[in-house]
Amino acid sequence: MARKVEVFSAGCATCHEAIEAIRREAGSVEIVVHDMKDVHVVRRAKELGVRSVPAVVIDGRLAPCCSGRGVDIHVLKEAGLGR
């Protein structure tokens, strides 16, 4: 069982929804919500591989459901950005 869950949040409605769902399911596990408006939090998020929010880290590892997302300029260009 997880010992610590960290949620990286921008404070939006989607983030709040995710935080509430995590709190409902986590039981007695420590949950820490990080505010992505804080430059120190952003640095830690980058170190962990966070590319979009909300993102969840369990026991120091980015959850698989939260990896590989985020803005990809190459994909956007293929979709027509800059044309």
PDB file of N, CA and C in Angstrom:
ATOM      1  N   MET A   1       0.838  -1.183   0.000  1.00  0.00           N
ATOM      2  CA  MET A   1       0.000   0.000   0.000  1.00  0.00           C
ATOM      3  C   MET A   1       0.880   1.243   0.000  1.00  0.00           C
ATOM      4  N   ALA A   2       0.428   2.274  -0.700  1.00  0.00           N
ATOM      5  CA  ALA A   2       1.173   3.524  -0.778  1.00  0.00           C
ATOM      6  C   ALA A   2       1.300   4.156   0.603  1.00  0.00           C
ATOM      7  N   ARG A   3       2.427   4.828   0.805  1.00  0.00           N
ATOM      8  CA  ARG A   3       2.654   5.545   2.056  1.00  0.00           C
ATOM      9  C   ARG A   3       2.414   7.037   1.905  1.00  0.00           C
ATOM     10  N   LYS A   4       2.639   7.559   0.685  1.00  0.00           N
ATOM     11  CA  LYS A   4       2.475   8.989   0.455  1.00  0.00           C
ATOM     12  C   LYS A   4       2.001   9.221  -0.978  1.00  0.00           C
ATOM     13  N   VAL A   5       0.987  10.057  -1.113  1.00  0.00           N
ATOM     14  CA  VAL A   5       0.457  10.420  -2.418  1.00  0.00           C
ATOM     15  C   VAL A   5       0.602  11.932  -2.552  1.00  0.00           C
ATOM     16  N   GLU A   6       1.199  12.354  -3.667  1.00  0.00           N
ATOM     17  CA  GLU A   6       1.349  13.775  -3.949  1.00  0.00           C
ATOM     18  C   GLU A   6       0.530  14.095  -5.186  1.00  0.00           C
ATOM     19  N   VAL A   7      -0.200  15.197  -5.128  1.00  0.00           N
ATOM     20  CA  VAL A   7      -0.995  15.633  -6.261  1.00  0.00           C
ATOM     21  C   VAL A   7      -0.485  17.012  -6.676  1.00  0.00           C
ATOM     22  N   PHE A   8      -0.107  17.136  -7.935  1.00  0.00           N
ATOM     23  CA  PHE A   8       0.335  18.415  -8.483  1.00  0.00           C
ATOM     24  C   PHE A   8      -0.878  19.047  -9.145  1.00  0.00           C
ATOM     25  N   SER A   9      -1.235  20.251  -8.683  1.00  0.00           N
ATOM     26  CA  SER A   9      -2.489  20.881  -9.066  1.00  0.00           C
ATOM     27  C   SER A   9      -2.283  22.332  -9.478  1.00  0.00           C
ATOM     28  N   ALA A  10      -3.099  22.768 -10.438  1.00  0.00           N
ATOM     29  CA  ALA A  10      -3.114  24.172 -10.841  1.00  0.00           C
ATOM     30  C   ALA A  10      -4.298  24.906 -10.210  1.00  0.00           C
ATOM     31  N   GLY A  11      -5.053  24.217  -9.385  1.00  0.00           N
ATOM     32  CA  GLY A  11      -6.179  24.839  -8.711  1.00  0.00           C
ATOM     33  C   GLY A  11      -7.459  24.892  -9.533  1.00  0.00           C
ATOM     34  N   CYS A  12      -7.474  24.243 -10.674  1.00  0.00           N
ATOM     35  CA  CYS A  12      -8.657  24.268 -11.549  1.00  0.00           C
ATOM     36  C   CYS A  12      -9.708  23.261 -11.059  1.00  0.00           C
ATOM     37  N   ALA A  13     -10.879  23.341 -11.650  1.00  0.00           N
ATOM     38  CA  ALA A  13     -11.969  22.444 -11.265  1.00  0.00           C
ATOM     39  C   ALA A  13     -11.610  20.976 -11.501  1.00  0.00           C
ATOM     40  N   THR A  14     -10.927  20.686 -12.585  1.00  0.00           N
ATOM     41  CA  THR A  14     -10.517  19.307 -12.879  1.00  0.00           C
ATOM     42  C   THR A  14      -9.548  18.802 -11.818  1.00  0.00           C
ATOM     43  N   CYS A  15      -8.629  19.652 -11.404  1.00  0.00           N
ATOM     44  CA  CYS A  15      -7.674  19.268 -10.353  1.00  0.00           C
ATOM     45  C   CYS A  15      -8.404  19.000  -9.040  1.00  0.00           C
ATOM     46  N   HIS A  16      -9.345  19.880  -8.675  1.00  0.00           N
ATOM     47  CA  HIS A  16     -10.101  19.695  -7.427  1.00  0.00           C
ATOM     48  C   HIS A  16     -10.895  18.398  -7.462  1.00  0.00           C
ATOM     49  N   GLU A  17     -11.475  18.092  -8.610  1.00  0.00           N
ATOM     50  CA  GLU A  17     -12.224  16.845  -8.767  1.00  0.00           C
ATOM     51  C   GLU A  17     -11.312  15.635  -8.539  1.00  0.00           C
ATOM     52  N   ALA A  18     -10.128  15.673  -9.127  1.00  0.00           N
ATOM     53  CA  ALA A  18      -9.172  14.573  -8.962  1.00  0.00           C
ATOM     54  C   ALA A  18      -8.735  14.448  -7.510  1.00  0.00           C
ATOM     55  N   ILE A  19      -8.470  15.565  -6.858  1.00  0.00           N
ATOM     56  CA  ILE A  19      -8.033  15.546  -5.459  1.00  0.00           C
ATOM     57  C   ILE A  19      -9.101  14.917  -4.574  1.00  0.00           C
ATOM     58  N   GLU A  20     -10.349  15.302  -4.782  1.00  0.00           N
ATOM     59  CA  GLU A  20     -11.440  14.735  -3.982  1.00  0.00           C
ATOM     60  C   GLU A  20     -11.572  13.231  -4.210  1.00  0.00           C
ATOM     61  N   ALA A  21     -11.449  12.785  -5.460  1.00  0.00           N
ATOM     62  CA  ALA A  21     -11.533  11.351  -5.762  1.00  0.00           C
ATOM     63  C   ALA A  21     -10.395  10.594  -5.101  1.00  0.00           C
ATOM     64  N   ILE A  22      -9.204  11.166  -5.137  1.00  0.00           N
ATOM     65  CA  ILE A  22      -8.041  10.529  -4.516  1.00  0.00           C
ATOM     66  C   ILE A  22      -8.243  10.442  -3.009  1.00  0.00           C
ATOM     67  N   ARG A  23      -8.729  11.514  -2.405  1.00  0.00           N
ATOM     68  CA  ARG A  23      -8.979  11.512  -0.950  1.00  0.00           C
ATOM     69  C   ARG A  23     -10.000  10.450  -0.573  1.00  0.00           C
ATOM     70  N   ARG A  24     -11.041  10.282  -1.396  1.00  0.00           N
ATOM     71  CA  ARG A  24     -12.062   9.259  -1.111  1.00  0.00           C
ATOM     72  C   ARG A  24     -11.476   7.859  -1.138  1.00  0.00           C
ATOM     73  N   GLU A  25     -10.556   7.604  -2.057  1.00  0.00           N
ATOM     74  CA  GLU A  25     -10.030   6.257  -2.264  1.00  0.00           C
ATOM     75  C   GLU A  25      -8.775   5.936  -1.458  1.00  0.00           C
ATOM     76  N   ALA A  26      -8.069   6.940  -0.988  1.00  0.00           N
ATOM     77  CA  ALA A  26      -6.737   6.730  -0.405  1.00  0.00           C
ATOM     78  C   ALA A  26      -6.749   6.167   1.011  1.00  0.00           C
ATOM     79  N   GLY A  27      -7.844   6.269   1.706  1.00  0.00           N
ATOM     80  CA  GLY A  27      -7.862   5.796   3.083  1.00  0.00           C
ATOM     81  C   GLY A  27      -7.014   6.684   3.970  1.00  0.00           C
ATOM     82  N   SER A  28      -6.156   6.067   4.773  1.00  0.00           N
ATOM     83  CA  SER A  28      -5.363   6.816   5.755  1.00  0.00           C
ATOM     84  C   SER A  28      -3.989   7.240   5.235  1.00  0.00           C
ATOM     85  N   VAL A  29      -3.760   7.132   3.955  1.00  0.00           N
ATOM     86  CA  VAL A  29      -2.481   7.494   3.348  1.00  0.00           C
ATOM     87  C   VAL A  29      -2.294   9.007   3.402  1.00  0.00           C
ATOM     88  N   GLU A  30      -1.050   9.441   3.594  1.00  0.00           N
ATOM     89  CA  GLU A  30      -0.742  10.867   3.574  1.00  0.00           C
ATOM     90  C   GLU A  30      -0.919  11.402   2.153  1.00  0.00           C
ATOM     91  N   ILE A  31      -1.681  12.484   2.030  1.00  0.00           N
ATOM     92  CA  ILE A  31      -1.890  13.128   0.737  1.00  0.00           C
ATOM     93  C   ILE A  31      -1.387  14.559   0.827  1.00  0.00           C
ATOM     94  N   VAL A  32      -0.500  14.913  -0.094  1.00  0.00           N
ATOM     95  CA  VAL A  32       0.049  16.267  -0.152  1.00  0.00           C
ATOM     96  C   VAL A  32      -0.351  16.864  -1.494  1.00  0.00           C
ATOM     97  N   VAL A  33      -0.970  18.035  -1.453  1.00  0.00           N
ATOM     98  CA  VAL A  33      -1.356  18.734  -2.680  1.00  0.00           C
ATOM     99  C   VAL A  33      -0.346  19.855  -2.915  1.00  0.00           C
ATOM    100  N   HIS A  34       0.277  19.833  -4.094  1.00  0.00           N
ATOM    101  CA  HIS A  34       1.279  20.836  -4.462  1.00  0.00           C
ATOM    102  C   HIS A  34       0.667  21.837  -5.433  1.00  0.00           C
ATOM    103  N   ASP A  35       0.922  23.113  -5.200  1.00  0.00           N
ATOM    104  CA  ASP A  35       0.414  24.194  -6.036  1.00  0.00           C
ATOM    105  C   ASP A  35       1.426  24.516  -7.124  1.00  0.00           C
ATOM    106  N   MET A  36       1.064  24.262  -8.361  1.00  0.00           N
ATOM    107  CA  MET A  36       1.963  24.478  -9.492  1.00  0.00           C
ATOM    108  C   MET A  36       2.231  25.952  -9.769  1.00  0.00           C
ATOM    109  N   LYS A  37       1.636  26.843  -9.013  1.00  0.00           N
ATOM    110  CA  LYS A  37       1.945  28.271  -9.139  1.00  0.00           C
ATOM    111  C   LYS A  37       3.223  28.625  -8.381  1.00  0.00           C
ATOM    112  N   ASP A  38       3.729  27.697  -7.608  1.00  0.00           N
ATOM    113  CA  ASP A  38       4.958  27.879  -6.830  1.00  0.00           C
ATOM    114  C   ASP A  38       6.144  27.366  -7.651  1.00  0.00           C
ATOM    115  N   VAL A  39       7.135  28.221  -7.880  1.00  0.00           N
ATOM    116  CA  VAL A  39       8.284  27.863  -8.725  1.00  0.00           C
ATOM    117  C   VAL A  39       9.040  26.641  -8.190  1.00  0.00           C
ATOM    118  N   HIS A  40       9.095  26.470  -6.873  1.00  0.00           N
ATOM    119  CA  HIS A  40       9.779  25.311  -6.289  1.00  0.00           C
ATOM    120  C   HIS A  40       9.013  24.019  -6.592  1.00  0.00           C
ATOM    121  N   VAL A  41       7.706  24.118  -6.579  1.00  0.00           N
ATOM    122  CA  VAL A  41       6.868  22.965  -6.915  1.00  0.00           C
ATOM    123  C   VAL A  41       7.059  22.603  -8.386  1.00  0.00           C
ATOM    124  N   VAL A  42       7.124  23.597  -9.235  1.00  0.00           N
ATOM    125  CA  VAL A  42       7.318  23.353 -10.669  1.00  0.00           C
ATOM    126  C   VAL A  42       8.640  22.633 -10.903  1.00  0.00           C
ATOM    127  N   ARG A  43       9.684  23.043 -10.214  1.00  0.00           N
ATOM    128  CA  ARG A  43      10.990  22.362 -10.355  1.00  0.00           C
ATOM    129  C   ARG A  43      10.884  20.895  -9.967  1.00  0.00           C
ATOM    130  N   ARG A  44      10.251  20.635  -8.822  1.00  0.00           N
ATOM    131  CA  ARG A  44      10.098  19.237  -8.369  1.00  0.00           C
ATOM    132  C   ARG A  44       9.255  18.452  -9.371  1.00  0.00           C
ATOM    133  N   ALA A  45       8.208  19.066  -9.875  1.00  0.00           N
ATOM    134  CA  ALA A  45       7.347  18.387 -10.842  1.00  0.00           C
ATOM    135  C   ALA A  45       8.140  18.002 -12.086  1.00  0.00           C
ATOM    136  N   LYS A  46       8.970  18.899 -12.571  1.00  0.00           N
ATOM    137  CA  LYS A  46       9.793  18.600 -13.749  1.00  0.00           C
ATOM    138  C   LYS A  46      10.744  17.446 -13.473  1.00  0.00           C
ATOM    139  N   GLU A  47      11.338  17.436 -12.291  1.00  0.00           N
ATOM    140  CA  GLU A  47      12.247  16.338 -11.917  1.00  0.00           C
ATOM    141  C   GLU A  47      11.530  14.992 -11.941  1.00  0.00           C
ATOM    142  N   LEU A  48      10.253  14.993 -11.594  1.00  0.00           N
ATOM    143  CA  LEU A  48       9.465  13.764 -11.545  1.00  0.00           C
ATOM    144  C   LEU A  48       8.878  13.384 -12.902  1.00  0.00           C
ATOM    145  N   GLY A  49       8.971  14.289 -13.886  1.00  0.00           N
ATOM    146  CA  GLY A  49       8.436  14.004 -15.212  1.00  0.00           C
ATOM    147  C   GLY A  49       7.016  14.483 -15.431  1.00  0.00           C
ATOM    148  N   VAL A  50       6.503  15.325 -14.536  1.00  0.00           N
ATOM    149  CA  VAL A  50       5.153  15.856 -14.696  1.00  0.00           C
ATOM    150  C   VAL A  50       5.139  16.811 -15.884  1.00  0.00           C
ATOM    151  N   ARG A  51       4.188  16.586 -16.805  1.00  0.00           N
ATOM    152  CA  ARG A  51       4.061  17.444 -17.998  1.00  0.00           C
ATOM    153  C   ARG A  51       2.703  18.101 -18.089  1.00  0.00           C
ATOM    154  N   SER A  52       1.747  17.658 -17.286  1.00  0.00           N
ATOM    155  CA  SER A  52       0.428  18.276 -17.247  1.00  0.00           C
ATOM    156  C   SER A  52      -0.206  17.992 -15.885  1.00  0.00           C
ATOM    157  N   VAL A  53      -1.237  18.753 -15.564  1.00  0.00           N
ATOM    158  CA  VAL A  53      -1.903  18.585 -14.276  1.00  0.00           C
ATOM    159  C   VAL A  53      -3.388  18.331 -14.489  1.00  0.00           C
ATOM    160  N   PRO A  54      -4.042  17.658 -13.570  1.00  0.00           N
ATOM    161  CA  PRO A  54      -3.467  17.142 -12.345  1.00  0.00           C
ATOM    162  C   PRO A  54      -2.550  15.948 -12.617  1.00  0.00           C
ATOM    163  N   ALA A  55      -1.554  15.807 -11.773  1.00  0.00           N
ATOM    164  CA  ALA A  55      -0.637  14.675 -11.856  1.00  0.00           C
ATOM    165  C   ALA A  55      -0.480  14.083 -10.464  1.00  0.00           C
ATOM    166  N   VAL A  56      -0.338  12.771 -10.403  1.00  0.00           N
ATOM    167  CA  VAL A  56      -0.262  12.077  -9.125  1.00  0.00           C
ATOM    168  C   VAL A  56       1.059  11.325  -9.023  1.00  0.00           C
ATOM    169  N   VAL A  57       1.716  11.498  -7.880  1.00  0.00           N
ATOM    170  CA  VAL A  57       2.957  10.796  -7.574  1.00  0.00           C
ATOM    171  C   VAL A  57       2.686   9.933  -6.354  1.00  0.00           C
ATOM    172  N   ILE A  58       2.984   8.654  -6.479  1.00  0.00           N
ATOM    173  CA  ILE A  58       2.771   7.716  -5.376  1.00  0.00           C
ATOM    174  C   ILE A  58       4.119   7.187  -4.929  1.00  0.00           C
ATOM    175  N   ASP A  59       4.427   7.437  -3.666  1.00  0.00           N
ATOM    176  CA  ASP A  59       5.707   7.016  -3.087  1.00  0.00           C
ATOM    177  C   ASP A  59       6.900   7.442  -3.951  1.00  0.00           C
ATOM    178  N   GLY A  60       6.844   8.693  -4.441  1.00  0.00           N
ATOM    179  CA  GLY A  60       7.969   9.245  -5.178  1.00  0.00           C
ATOM    180  C   GLY A  60       8.033   8.924  -6.656  1.00  0.00           C
ATOM    181  N   ARG A  61       7.025   8.222  -7.182  1.00  0.00           N
ATOM    182  CA  ARG A  61       7.026   7.850  -8.600  1.00  0.00           C
ATOM    183  C   ARG A  61       5.760   8.363  -9.270  1.00  0.00           C
ATOM    184  N   LEU A  62       5.948   8.981 -10.434  1.00  0.00           N
ATOM    185  CA  LEU A  62       4.811   9.468 -11.200  1.00  0.00           C
ATOM    186  C   LEU A  62       3.938   8.288 -11.611  1.00  0.00           C
ATOM    187  N   ALA A  63       2.645   8.384 -11.324  1.00  0.00           N
ATOM    188  CA  ALA A  63       1.720   7.300 -11.666  1.00  0.00           C
ATOM    189  C   ALA A  63       1.653   7.134 -13.186  1.00  0.00           C
ATOM    190  N   PRO A  64       1.570   5.903 -13.669  1.00  0.00           N
ATOM    191  CA  PRO A  64       1.539   5.657 -15.112  1.00  0.00           C
ATOM    192  C   PRO A  64       0.442   6.426 -15.842  1.00  0.00           C
ATOM    193  N   CYS A  65      -0.688   6.654 -15.190  1.00  0.00           N
ATOM    194  CA  CYS A  65      -1.778   7.389 -15.843  1.00  0.00           C
ATOM    195  C   CYS A  65      -1.440   8.855 -16.061  1.00  0.00           C
ATOM    196  N   CYS A  66      -0.387   9.333 -15.426  1.00  0.00           N
ATOM    197  CA  CYS A  66      -0.036  10.754 -15.490  1.00  0.00           C
ATOM    198  C   CYS A  66       1.233  11.019 -16.301  1.00  0.00           C
ATOM    199  N   SER A  67       1.801  10.006 -16.882  1.00  0.00           N
ATOM    200  CA  SER A  67       3.033  10.215 -17.652  1.00  0.00           C
ATOM    201  C   SER A  67       2.720  10.314 -19.133  1.00  0.00           C
ATOM    202  N   GLY A  68       3.588  10.984 -19.851  1.00  0.00           N
ATOM    203  CA  GLY A  68       3.461  11.056 -21.293  1.00  0.00           C
ATOM    204  C   GLY A  68       2.425  12.033 -21.801  1.00  0.00           C
ATOM    205  N   ARG A  69       1.830  12.796 -20.926  1.00  0.00           N
ATOM    206  CA  ARG A  69       0.857  13.783 -21.377  1.00  0.00           C
ATOM    207  C   ARG A  69       1.536  15.141 -21.468  1.00  0.00           C
ATOM    208  N   GLY A  70       0.785  16.131 -21.843  1.00  0.00           N
ATOM    209  CA  GLY A  70       1.316  17.476 -21.938  1.00  0.00           C
ATOM    210  C   GLY A  70       1.377  17.939 -23.371  1.00  0.00           C
ATOM    211  N   VAL A  71       1.764  19.180 -23.531  1.00  0.00           N
ATOM    212  CA  VAL A  71       1.832  19.777 -24.863  1.00  0.00           C
ATOM    213  C   VAL A  71       3.030  19.209 -25.615  1.00  0.00           C
ATOM    214  N   ASP A  72       2.787  18.766 -26.831  1.00  0.00           N
ATOM    215  CA  ASP A  72       3.845  18.271 -27.710  1.00  0.00           C
ATOM    216  C   ASP A  72       3.820  19.125 -28.967  1.00  0.00           C
ATOM    217  N   ILE A  73       4.785  20.022 -29.095  1.00  0.00           N
ATOM    218  CA  ILE A  73       4.827  20.965 -30.211  1.00  0.00           C
ATOM    219  C   ILE A  73       4.834  20.252 -31.560  1.00  0.00           C
ATOM    220  N   HIS A  74       5.543  19.130 -31.656  1.00  0.00           N
ATOM    221  CA  HIS A  74       5.606  18.392 -32.930  1.00  0.00           C
ATOM    222  C   HIS A  74       4.218  17.903 -33.332  1.00  0.00           C
ATOM    223  N   VAL A  75       3.462  17.391 -32.395  1.00  0.00           N
ATOM    224  CA  VAL A  75       2.094  16.934 -32.683  1.00  0.00           C
ATOM    225  C   VAL A  75       1.220  18.113 -33.089  1.00  0.00           C
ATOM    226  N   LEU A  76       1.373  19.231 -32.395  1.00  0.00           N
ATOM    227  CA  LEU A  76       0.594  20.420 -32.733  1.00  0.00           C
ATOM    228  C   LEU A  76       0.904  20.929 -34.133  1.00  0.00           C
ATOM    229  N   LYS A  77       2.187  20.904 -34.504  1.00  0.00           N
ATOM    230  CA  LYS A  77       2.564  21.328 -35.849  1.00  0.00           C
ATOM    231  C   LYS A  77       1.954  20.413 -36.911  1.00  0.00           C
ATOM    232  N   GLU A  78       1.951  19.113 -36.638  1.00  0.00           N
ATOM    233  CA  GLU A  78       1.337  18.168 -37.555  1.00  0.00           C
ATOM    234  C   GLU A  78      -0.163  18.409 -37.685  1.00  0.00           C
ATOM    235  N   ALA A  79      -0.771  18.960 -36.616  1.00  0.00           N
ATOM    236  CA  ALA A  79      -2.201  19.245 -36.632  1.00  0.00           C
ATOM    237  C   ALA A  79      -2.521  20.585 -37.292  1.00  0.00           C
ATOM    238  N   GLY A  80      -1.466  21.319 -37.668  1.00  0.00           N
ATOM    239  CA  GLY A  80      -1.694  22.557 -38.392  1.00  0.00           C
ATOM    240  C   GLY A  80      -1.194  23.811 -37.704  1.00  0.00           C
ATOM    241  N   LEU A  81      -0.650  23.715 -36.522  1.00  0.00           N
ATOM    242  CA  LEU A  81      -0.127  24.896 -35.825  1.00  0.00           C
ATOM    243  C   LEU A  81       0.965  25.558 -36.630  1.00  0.00           C
ATOM    244  N   GLY A  82       0.860  26.870 -36.823  1.00  0.00           N
ATOM    245  CA  GLY A  82       1.902  27.606 -37.518  1.00  0.00           C
ATOM    246  C   GLY A  82       1.775  27.643 -39.020  1.00  0.00           C
ATOM    247  N   ARG A  83       0.699  27.093 -39.546  1.00  0.00           N
ATOM    248  CA  ARG A  83       0.509  27.104 -41.007  1.00  0.00           C
ATOM    249  C   ARG A  83      -0.384  28.246 -41.410  1.00  0.00           C
TER     250      ARG A  83
END
